[in-house]
C-alpha atoms as a PDB file:
ATOM      1  CA  UNK A   1      18.820 -60.160 -43.810  1.00  0.00           C
ATOM      2  CA  UNK A   2      16.539 -60.270 -40.802  1.00  0.00           C
ATOM      3  CA  UNK A   3      15.611 -56.608 -40.918  1.00  0.00           C
ATOM      4  CA  UNK A   4      13.580 -56.837 -37.718  1.00  0.00           C
ATOM      5  CA  UNK A   5      16.679 -57.851 -35.705  1.00  0.00           C
ATOM      6  CA  UNK A   6      18.738 -54.937 -37.000  1.00  0.00           C
ATOM      7  CA  UNK A   7      15.839 -52.501 -36.580  1.00  0.00           C
ATOM      8  CA  UNK A   8      15.187 -53.665 -33.016  1.00  0.00           C
ATOM      9  CA  UNK A   9      18.861 -53.289 -32.093  1.00  0.00           C
ATOM     10  CA  UNK A  10      19.025 -49.745 -33.478  1.00  0.00           C
ATOM     11  CA  UNK A  11      15.584 -48.641 -32.236  1.00  0.00           C
ATOM     12  CA  UNK A  12      16.221 -49.929 -28.708  1.00  0.00           C
ATOM     13  CA  UNK A  13      19.517 -48.060 -28.567  1.00  0.00           C
ATOM     14  CA  UNK A  14      18.171 -44.771 -29.912  1.00  0.00           C
ATOM     15  CA  UNK A  15      15.068 -44.877 -27.725  1.00  0.00           C
ATOM     16  CA  UNK A  16      17.135 -45.662 -24.621  1.00  0.00           C
ATOM     17  CA  UNK A  17      19.096 -42.468 -25.299  1.00  0.00           C
ATOM     18  CA  UNK A  18      15.984 -40.413 -26.228  1.00  0.00           C
ATOM     19  CA  UNK A  19      17.196 -39.800 -29.777  1.00  0.00           C
ATOM     20  CA  UNK A  20      14.359 -39.426 -32.273  1.00  0.00           C
ATOM     21  CA  UNK A  21      14.641 -41.468 -35.438  1.00  0.00           C
ATOM     22  CA  UNK A  22      12.673 -42.394 -38.529  1.00  0.00           C
ATOM     23  CA  UNK A  23      12.946 -44.893 -41.323  1.00  0.00           C
ATOM     24  CA  UNK A  24      14.003 -43.560 -44.690  1.00  0.00           C
ATOM     25  CA  UNK A  25      14.948 -45.415 -47.864  1.00  0.00           C
ATOM     26  CA  UNK A  26      13.236 -48.530 -49.227  1.00  0.00           C
ATOM     27  CA  UNK A  27      11.381 -49.388 -46.011  1.00  0.00           C
ATOM     28  CA  UNK A  28       9.927 -45.904 -45.835  1.00  0.00           C
ATOM     29  CA  UNK A  29       8.794 -46.180 -49.444  1.00  0.00           C
ATOM     30  CA  UNK A  30       7.236 -49.541 -48.598  1.00  0.00           C
ATOM     31  CA  UNK A  31       5.237 -47.905 -45.810  1.00  0.00           C
ATOM     32  CA  UNK A  32       3.653 -45.698 -48.497  1.00  0.00           C
ATOM     33  CA  UNK A  33       2.989 -48.594 -50.883  1.00  0.00           C
ATOM     34  CA  UNK A  34       6.077 -48.843 -53.099  1.00  0.00           C
ATOM     35  CA  UNK A  35       7.768 -52.214 -52.788  1.00  0.00           C
ATOM     36  CA  UNK A  36      11.295 -52.722 -54.025  1.00  0.00           C
ATOM     37  CA  UNK A  37      14.144 -55.016 -53.094  1.00  0.00           C
ATOM     38  CA  UNK A  38      16.684 -53.702 -50.620  1.00  0.00           C
ATOM     39  CA  UNK A  39      19.799 -54.978 -48.915  1.00  0.00           C
ATOM     40  CA  UNK A  40      19.898 -52.456 -46.081  1.00  0.00           C
ATOM     41  CA  UNK A  41      17.790 -50.500 -43.670  1.00  0.00           C
ATOM     42  CA  UNK A  42      18.115 -46.705 -43.606  1.00  0.00           C
ATOM     43  CA  UNK A  43      17.485 -44.413 -40.655  1.00  0.00           C
ATOM     44  CA  UNK A  44      17.540 -40.704 -40.012  1.00  0.00           C
ATOM     45  CA  UNK A  45      18.440 -39.628 -36.489  1.00  0.00           C
ATOM     46  CA  UNK A  46      19.874 -36.630 -34.725  1.00  0.00           C
ATOM     47  CA  UNK A  47      23.529 -35.794 -35.293  1.00  0.00           C
ATOM     48  CA  UNK A  48      24.048 -35.888 -31.531  1.00  0.00           C
ATOM     49  CA  UNK A  49      23.373 -39.662 -31.616  1.00  0.00           C
ATOM     50  CA  UNK A  50      26.376 -40.463 -33.799  1.00  0.00           C
ATOM     51  CA  UNK A  51      29.201 -40.348 -31.190  1.00  0.00           C
ATOM     52  CA  UNK A  52      27.549 -43.107 -29.135  1.00  0.00           C
ATOM     53  CA  UNK A  53      25.735 -44.938 -31.944  1.00  0.00           C
ATOM     54  CA  UNK A  54      28.786 -45.826 -34.038  1.00  0.00           C
ATOM     55  CA  UNK A  55      30.729 -47.433 -31.149  1.00  0.00           C
ATOM     56  CA  UNK A  56      27.532 -49.206 -30.061  1.00  0.00           C
ATOM     57  CA  UNK A  57      27.123 -50.747 -33.521  1.00  0.00           C
ATOM     58  CA  UNK A  58      30.800 -51.695 -33.625  1.00  0.00           C
ATOM     59  CA  UNK A  59      30.456 -53.377 -30.212  1.00  0.00           C
ATOM     60  CA  UNK A  60      27.703 -55.512 -31.764  1.00  0.00           C
ATOM     61  CA  UNK A  61      29.907 -56.659 -34.645  1.00  0.00           C
ATOM     62  CA  UNK A  62      29.170 -54.006 -37.267  1.00  0.00           C
ATOM     63  CA  UNK A  63      32.062 -52.673 -39.325  1.00  0.00           C
ATOM     64  CA  UNK A  64      31.865 -48.964 -40.087  1.00  0.00           C
ATOM     65  CA  UNK A  65      32.244 -48.622 -43.850  1.00  0.00           C
ATOM     66  CA  UNK A  66      31.937 -44.840 -43.978  1.00  0.00           C
ATOM     67  CA  UNK A  67      31.527 -42.116 -41.399  1.00  0.00           C
ATOM     68  CA  UNK A  68      31.133 -38.392 -41.891  1.00  0.00           C
ATOM     69  CA  UNK A  69      29.229 -35.719 -40.003  1.00  0.00           C
ATOM     70  CA  UNK A  70      26.103 -36.360 -42.065  1.00  0.00           C
ATOM     71  CA  UNK A  71      26.215 -40.083 -42.834  1.00  0.00           C
ATOM     72  CA  UNK A  72      27.445 -43.445 -41.672  1.00  0.00           C
ATOM     73  CA  UNK A  73      27.181 -46.941 -43.136  1.00  0.00           C
ATOM     74  CA  UNK A  74      27.684 -50.175 -41.205  1.00  0.00           C
ATOM     75  CA  UNK A  75      27.941 -53.804 -42.331  1.00  0.00           C
ATOM     76  CA  UNK A  76      27.631 -56.852 -40.090  1.00  0.00           C
ATOM     77  CA  UNK A  77      29.398 -60.115 -41.013  1.00  0.00           C
ATOM     78  CA  UNK A  78      26.214 -62.025 -40.123  1.00  0.00           C
ATOM     79  CA  UNK A  79      23.934 -61.644 -43.174  1.00  0.00           C
ATOM     80  CA  UNK A  80      20.881 -61.658 -40.878  1.00  0.00           C
ATOM     81  CA  UNK A  81      22.075 -58.418 -39.280  1.00  0.00           C
ATOM     82  CA  UNK A  82      23.029 -56.948 -42.655  1.00  0.00           C
ATOM     83  CA  UNK A  83      23.766 -53.344 -43.414  1.00  0.00           C
ATOM     84  CA  UNK A  84      22.407 -50.266 -41.657  1.00  0.00           C
ATOM     85  CA  UNK A  85      22.832 -46.732 -42.957  1.00  0.00           C
ATOM     86  CA  UNK A  86      22.226 -43.453 -41.150  1.00  0.00           C
ATOM     87  CA  UNK A  87      21.578 -39.867 -42.136  1.00  0.00           C
ATOM     88  CA  UNK A  88      22.305 -37.460 -39.285  1.00  0.00           C
ATOM     89  CA  UNK A  89      20.350 -34.215 -38.996  1.00  0.00           C
ATOM     90  CA  UNK A  90      20.283 -31.355 -36.529  1.00  0.00           C
ATOM     91  CA  UNK A  91      18.638 -28.046 -35.741  1.00  0.00           C
ATOM     92  CA  UNK A  92      15.545 -27.027 -37.653  1.00  0.00           C
ATOM     93  CA  UNK A  93      15.858 -29.974 -40.035  1.00  0.00           C
ATOM     94  CA  UNK A  94      15.751 -32.375 -37.098  1.00  0.00           C
ATOM     95  CA  UNK A  95      12.697 -30.720 -35.582  1.00  0.00           C
ATOM     96  CA  UNK A  96      10.805 -30.680 -38.879  1.00  0.00           C
ATOM     97  CA  UNK A  97      11.695 -34.236 -39.836  1.00  0.00           C
ATOM     98  CA  UNK A  98      10.880 -35.985 -36.567  1.00  0.00           C
ATOM     99  CA  UNK A  99       7.780 -33.971 -35.676  1.00  0.00           C
ATOM    100  CA  UNK A 100       6.299 -34.824 -39.087  1.00  0.00           C
ATOM    101  CA  UNK A 101       7.100 -38.568 -38.900  1.00  0.00           C
ATOM    102  CA  UNK A 102       3.550 -39.619 -37.981  1.00  0.00           C
ATOM    103  CA  UNK A 103       3.273 -42.740 -40.145  1.00  0.00           C
ATOM    104  CA  UNK A 104       4.437 -46.039 -38.637  1.00  0.00           C
ATOM    105  CA  UNK A 105       5.557 -49.343 -40.132  1.00  0.00           C
ATOM    106  CA  UNK A 106       5.728 -52.596 -38.216  1.00  0.00           C
ATOM    107  CA  UNK A 107       8.960 -54.572 -38.488  1.00  0.00           C
ATOM    108  CA  UNK A 108       8.952 -57.683 -36.348  1.00  0.00           C
ATOM    109  CA  UNK A 109       7.123 -56.638 -33.212  1.00  0.00           C
ATOM    110  CA  UNK A 110       8.198 -53.012 -33.451  1.00  0.00           C
ATOM    111  CA  UNK A 111       6.378 -49.963 -34.768  1.00  0.00           C
ATOM    112  CA  UNK A 112       8.893 -47.593 -36.303  1.00  0.00           C
ATOM    113  CA  UNK A 113       8.254 -43.979 -37.354  1.00  0.00           C
ATOM    114  CA  UNK A 114       8.598 -43.206 -41.051  1.00  0.00           C
ATOM    115  CA  UNK A 115       9.663 -39.892 -42.577  1.00  0.00           C
ATOM    116  CA  UNK A 116       6.859 -38.103 -44.430  1.00  0.00           C
ATOM    117  CA  UNK A 117       6.845 -38.337 -48.247  1.00  0.00           C
ATOM    118  CA  UNK A 118       7.982 -34.745 -48.774  1.00  0.00           C
ATOM    119  CA  UNK A 119      11.022 -35.301 -46.546  1.00  0.00           C
ATOM    120  CA  UNK A 120      11.860 -38.543 -48.339  1.00  0.00           C
ATOM    121  CA  UNK A 121      11.745 -36.611 -51.607  1.00  0.00           C
ATOM    122  CA  UNK A 122      14.001 -33.920 -50.130  1.00  0.00           C
ATOM    123  CA  UNK A 123      16.622 -36.532 -49.189  1.00  0.00           C
ATOM    124  CA  UNK A 124      16.453 -38.040 -52.664  1.00  0.00           C
ATOM    125  CA  UNK A 125      16.880 -34.629 -54.323  1.00  0.00           C
ATOM    126  CA  UNK A 126      19.902 -33.986 -52.109  1.00  0.00           C
ATOM    127  CA  UNK A 127      21.312 -37.423 -53.010  1.00  0.00           C
ATOM    128  CA  UNK A 128      20.893 -36.730 -56.730  1.00  0.00           C
ATOM    129  CA  UNK A 129      22.666 -33.403 -56.352  1.00  0.00           C
ATOM    130  CA  UNK A 130      25.612 -35.128 -54.663  1.00  0.00           C
ATOM    131  CA  UNK A 131      25.739 -38.263 -56.841  1.00  0.00           C
ATOM    132  CA  UNK A 132      24.388 -38.055 -60.382  1.00  0.00           C
ATOM    133  CA  UNK A 133      24.467 -41.857 -60.726  1.00  0.00           C
ATOM    134  CA  UNK A 134      21.439 -41.988 -58.385  1.00  0.00           C
ATOM    135  CA  UNK A 135      19.349 -39.839 -60.711  1.00  0.00           C
ATOM    136  CA  UNK A 136      17.100 -42.364 -62.434  1.00  0.00           C
ATOM    137  CA  UNK A 137      16.330 -44.562 -59.423  1.00  0.00           C
ATOM    138  CA  UNK A 138      15.715 -41.616 -57.105  1.00  0.00           C
ATOM    139  CA  UNK A 139      13.630 -39.713 -59.650  1.00  0.00           C
ATOM    140  CA  UNK A 140      11.409 -42.794 -60.011  1.00  0.00           C
ATOM    141  CA  UNK A 141      10.993 -42.824 -56.227  1.00  0.00           C
ATOM    142  CA  UNK A 142      10.155 -39.118 -56.192  1.00  0.00           C
ATOM    143  CA  UNK A 143       7.646 -39.627 -58.990  1.00  0.00           C
ATOM    144  CA  UNK A 144       5.955 -42.295 -56.850  1.00  0.00           C
ATOM    145  CA  UNK A 145       5.969 -40.012 -53.793  1.00  0.00           C
ATOM    146  CA  UNK A 146       4.402 -37.188 -55.801  1.00  0.00           C
ATOM    147  CA  UNK A 147       1.588 -39.542 -56.813  1.00  0.00           C
ATOM    148  CA  UNK A 148       0.508 -40.077 -53.206  1.00  0.00           C
ATOM    149  CA  UNK A 149      -2.678 -38.336 -52.074  1.00  0.00           C
ATOM    150  CA  UNK A 150      -2.195 -35.128 -50.090  1.00  0.00           C
ATOM    151  CA  UNK A 151       1.531 -34.801 -50.843  1.00  0.00           C
ATOM    152  CA  UNK A 152       2.539 -31.155 -50.858  1.00  0.00           C
ATOM    153  CA  UNK A 153       3.862 -30.840 -54.401  1.00  0.00           C
ATOM    154  CA  UNK A 154       4.956 -27.243 -53.821  1.00  0.00           C
ATOM    155  CA  UNK A 155       7.141 -28.384 -50.920  1.00  0.00           C
ATOM    156  CA  UNK A 156       8.784 -31.059 -53.100  1.00  0.00           C
ATOM    157  CA  UNK A 157       9.262 -28.535 -55.907  1.00  0.00           C
ATOM    158  CA  UNK A 158      10.978 -26.256 -53.406  1.00  0.00           C
ATOM    159  CA  UNK A 159      13.582 -28.939 -52.657  1.00  0.00           C
ATOM    160  CA  UNK A 160      14.429 -29.174 -56.355  1.00  0.00           C
ATOM    161  CA  UNK A 161      14.647 -25.392 -56.542  1.00  0.00           C
ATOM    162  CA  UNK A 162      16.818 -25.126 -53.419  1.00  0.00           C
ATOM    163  CA  UNK A 163      19.264 -27.657 -54.897  1.00  0.00           C
ATOM    164  CA  UNK A 164      19.381 -26.010 -58.366  1.00  0.00           C
ATOM    165  CA  UNK A 165      17.705 -29.019 -59.997  1.00  0.00           C
ATOM    166  CA  UNK A 166      14.586 -27.409 -61.453  1.00  0.00           C
ATOM    167  CA  UNK A 167      15.284 -28.870 -64.892  1.00  0.00           C
ATOM    168  CA  UNK A 168      14.957 -32.355 -63.361  1.00  0.00           C
ATOM    169  CA  UNK A 169      11.711 -31.366 -61.665  1.00  0.00           C
ATOM    170  CA  UNK A 170      10.374 -30.007 -64.959  1.00  0.00           C
ATOM    171  CA  UNK A 171      11.362 -33.260 -66.718  1.00  0.00           C
ATOM    172  CA  UNK A 172       9.674 -35.269 -63.982  1.00  0.00           C
ATOM    173  CA  UNK A 173       6.453 -33.272 -64.272  1.00  0.00           C
ATOM    174  CA  UNK A 174       6.425 -33.625 -68.075  1.00  0.00           C
ATOM    175  CA  UNK A 175       6.557 -37.413 -67.660  1.00  0.00           C
ATOM    176  CA  UNK A 176       3.494 -37.557 -65.382  1.00  0.00           C
END
């Protein structure tokens, strides 16, 4: 997959419509120093972007694999354009997420904002709560995020608490 082509397509569209966005997923982890293989590129953007974004992607050859109010996944038949996934946020969550996305990663010729480590951890905790099969991979990612300097551990702990997953947080802390 030529991630820079897919990222440029999405970033150009979202910027042209003044929708904030940030990388999440494996590319966001890479921006903080954790490298792992990935077959897609993941974005967070405002929920208000979805009604125009999905048809835009489809007009560029992407097939929508899943669409709900909070998520959408899109696959292109050209392997270079690959798969792009979106998390849609609104309200206070949107404000907090995009205002805190200060870090940037360069893909191709583009600098793309990256969600802060605490917000990446929050998304992974939420994912674990909704799909237990993600537990081990996402907990490893959270463990890495917690090891970063200046990460607000209390904030990350709060996401576990809010999602009734404190036993997982306690297990994670025992392992470090």
